[in-house]
């Protein structure tokens, strides 16, 4: 684990969330599972209270806090995807069972954690030296919920 990481708050199902997350993102793993040595406001002795894990090499913790927390939208987990197949796979897994779509590649999983599922080609297209290309791609992206690689490429080429 690195010196700095992100801690995600869950009511009681941090372990379920972490196991899903590490199954979806290559280069991910479950670390320690810490259990309560005694009763605590969120549960009983032996309950999972914290887990450590990595997603794509980035350090995280997951805490069972015993009560709901609102993540807001000021921070999210952003995943750079190689292609549309990876975008689609992650999008489906994270929005299923109660997750929700937001816009422009953003979603919330069933625990309310915000994610950005972004094709790796998007930042390159948005940084195109031709401002018209970047503008067309940006406009196309703004009309999307789940990002569509082919549509973004057509926008960049000016054929959309």
Protein backbone atom coordinates (compact mmCIF):
# COMPACT_ATOMS: atom_id res chain seq x y z
CA UNK A 1 0.00 0.00 0.00
CA UNK A 2 1.19 3.50 -0.72
CA UNK A 3 1.46 6.19 1.95
CA UNK A 4 -1.63 8.00 0.62
CA UNK A 5 -4.86 6.36 -0.46
CA UNK A 6 -8.58 6.92 -0.63
CA UNK A 7 -11.01 5.55 1.95
CA UNK A 8 -14.51 4.64 0.75
CA UNK A 9 -17.38 4.52 3.28
CA UNK A 10 -20.01 1.78 3.23
CA UNK A 11 -22.82 0.92 5.63
CA UNK A 12 -22.03 -2.79 6.10
CA UNK A 13 -21.13 -4.25 2.71
CA UNK A 14 -17.63 -2.93 2.06
CA UNK A 15 -16.34 -6.45 1.45
CA UNK A 16 -18.92 -7.12 -1.28
CA UNK A 17 -18.05 -3.82 -2.98
CA UNK A 18 -14.30 -4.42 -2.79
CA UNK A 19 -14.58 -7.94 -4.15
CA UNK A 20 -16.57 -6.61 -7.12
CA UNK A 21 -14.15 -3.73 -7.74
CA UNK A 22 -11.00 -5.89 -7.73
CA UNK A 23 -12.68 -8.41 -10.05
CA UNK A 24 -13.36 -5.68 -12.63
CA UNK A 25 -10.13 -3.67 -12.86
CA UNK A 26 -6.91 -5.37 -14.06
CA UNK A 27 -3.94 -4.97 -11.72
CA UNK A 28 -6.19 -4.99 -8.65
CA UNK A 29 -6.07 -7.02 -5.46
CA UNK A 30 -7.62 -7.42 -2.04
CA UNK A 31 -5.24 -6.72 0.83
CA UNK A 32 -6.06 -6.94 4.53
CA UNK A 33 -9.48 -7.59 5.98
CA UNK A 34 -9.74 -6.14 9.49
CA UNK A 35 -12.46 -7.44 11.80
CA UNK A 36 -13.93 -5.77 14.87
CA UNK A 37 -12.39 -7.18 18.07
CA UNK A 38 -15.51 -6.23 20.02
CA UNK A 39 -18.92 -4.62 19.68
CA UNK A 40 -18.95 -1.31 17.82
CA UNK A 41 -21.63 1.18 16.78
CA UNK A 42 -21.96 -0.45 13.34
CA UNK A 43 -22.01 -4.10 14.36
CA UNK A 44 -20.76 -7.04 16.32
CA UNK A 45 -17.38 -8.62 17.14
CA UNK A 46 -15.91 -10.32 14.09
CA UNK A 47 -17.68 -8.08 11.58
CA UNK A 48 -15.52 -6.62 8.82
CA UNK A 49 -14.71 -3.02 9.69
CA UNK A 50 -12.03 -2.16 7.13
CA UNK A 51 -10.39 -3.62 4.06
CA UNK A 52 -7.34 -2.52 2.11
CA UNK A 53 -7.18 -3.04 -1.64
CA UNK A 54 -5.64 -1.75 -4.84
CA UNK A 55 -7.43 -0.85 -8.05
CA UNK A 56 -5.13 -0.77 -11.02
CA UNK A 57 -2.22 -0.25 -8.61
CA UNK A 58 -3.91 2.64 -6.72
CA UNK A 59 -4.31 2.21 -2.93
CA UNK A 60 -7.75 2.26 -1.32
CA UNK A 61 -9.44 1.40 1.94
CA UNK A 62 -13.07 0.47 2.45
CA UNK A 63 -14.72 1.14 5.79
CA UNK A 64 -18.00 -0.22 7.12
CA UNK A 65 -19.22 2.88 8.93
CA UNK A 66 -22.58 1.49 10.03
CA UNK A 67 -24.62 4.38 8.63
CA UNK A 68 -25.14 5.80 5.13
CA UNK A 69 -22.80 8.42 3.71
CA UNK A 70 -23.34 10.65 0.68
CA UNK A 71 -20.43 10.67 -1.76
CA UNK A 72 -21.58 13.73 -3.68
CA UNK A 73 -19.86 14.26 -7.03
CA UNK A 74 -16.74 16.20 -6.06
CA UNK A 75 -14.58 13.07 -6.31
CA UNK A 76 -14.87 9.84 -8.27
CA UNK A 77 -12.92 6.76 -9.26
CA UNK A 78 -11.78 7.28 -12.85
CA UNK A 79 -10.87 4.31 -15.03
CA UNK A 80 -9.05 4.73 -18.35
CA UNK A 81 -10.36 2.07 -20.73
CA UNK A 82 -8.47 0.65 -23.71
CA UNK A 83 -11.54 0.29 -25.93
CA UNK A 84 -15.34 0.23 -26.16
CA UNK A 85 -15.48 -3.37 -24.95
CA UNK A 86 -13.83 -2.36 -21.66
CA UNK A 87 -16.09 0.69 -21.33
CA UNK A 88 -19.15 -1.52 -21.89
CA UNK A 89 -17.97 -4.25 -19.48
CA UNK A 90 -17.29 -1.84 -16.62
CA UNK A 91 -20.41 0.22 -17.30
CA UNK A 92 -22.66 -2.85 -17.17
CA UNK A 93 -21.04 -4.28 -14.04
CA UNK A 94 -21.12 -0.99 -12.13
CA UNK A 95 -24.64 0.13 -13.09
CA UNK A 96 -26.28 -3.26 -12.60
CA UNK A 97 -28.12 -4.14 -9.40
CA UNK A 98 -29.07 -0.59 -8.50
CA UNK A 99 -26.30 1.54 -10.00
CA UNK A 100 -27.24 4.59 -12.04
CA UNK A 101 -26.01 6.42 -15.10
CA UNK A 102 -25.19 10.11 -14.80
CA UNK A 103 -23.68 11.75 -17.92
CA UNK A 104 -20.46 12.19 -19.92
CA UNK A 105 -19.06 8.83 -18.79
CA UNK A 106 -20.05 9.23 -15.13
CA UNK A 107 -22.07 6.70 -13.15
CA UNK A 108 -22.81 5.66 -9.57
CA UNK A 109 -22.48 2.05 -8.53
CA UNK A 110 -25.10 0.42 -6.31
CA UNK A 111 -23.32 1.72 -3.20
CA UNK A 112 -23.44 5.31 -4.47
CA UNK A 113 -19.73 5.54 -5.30
CA UNK A 114 -19.22 7.80 -8.36
CA UNK A 115 -17.07 6.51 -11.23
CA UNK A 116 -15.84 7.90 -14.53
CA UNK A 117 -15.48 5.26 -17.25
CA UNK A 118 -13.37 6.96 -19.91
CA UNK A 119 -11.89 5.58 -23.14
CA UNK A 120 -8.16 6.32 -23.12
CA UNK A 121 -8.46 8.00 -26.52
CA UNK A 122 -10.73 10.77 -25.19
CA UNK A 123 -8.06 12.96 -23.52
CA UNK A 124 -5.92 12.67 -26.66
CA UNK A 125 -8.81 13.84 -28.86
CA UNK A 126 -9.69 16.67 -26.47
CA UNK A 127 -6.05 17.81 -26.61
CA UNK A 128 -5.91 17.78 -30.43
CA UNK A 129 -3.88 20.74 -31.71
CA UNK A 130 -6.77 21.60 -34.04
CA UNK A 131 -9.30 23.42 -31.82
CA UNK A 132 -12.14 22.42 -34.17
CA UNK A 133 -11.42 18.72 -33.54
CA UNK A 134 -11.37 19.19 -29.77
CA UNK A 135 -14.58 21.24 -29.92
CA UNK A 136 -16.43 18.61 -31.97
CA UNK A 137 -15.32 15.82 -29.62
CA UNK A 138 -16.27 17.88 -26.55
CA UNK A 139 -19.71 18.64 -27.99
CA UNK A 140 -20.28 14.97 -28.85
CA UNK A 141 -19.18 13.87 -25.37
CA UNK A 142 -21.59 16.28 -23.71
CA UNK A 143 -24.50 14.55 -25.44
CA UNK A 144 -23.53 11.10 -24.18
CA UNK A 145 -24.24 9.19 -21.02
CA UNK A 146 -21.97 6.15 -21.54
CA UNK A 147 -19.12 7.24 -23.80
CA UNK A 148 -19.13 5.83 -27.34
CA UNK A 149 -15.64 5.45 -28.84
CA UNK A 150 -16.85 5.22 -32.45
CA UNK A 151 -19.04 8.32 -32.13
CA UNK A 152 -16.18 10.26 -30.54
CA UNK A 153 -13.84 9.21 -33.36
CA UNK A 154 -16.45 10.24 -35.97
CA UNK A 155 -16.81 13.60 -34.23
CA UNK A 156 -13.03 14.05 -34.31
CA UNK A 157 -13.00 13.27 -38.03
CA UNK A 158 -15.89 15.64 -38.66
CA UNK A 159 -18.13 12.88 -40.02
CA UNK A 160 -20.67 12.91 -37.19
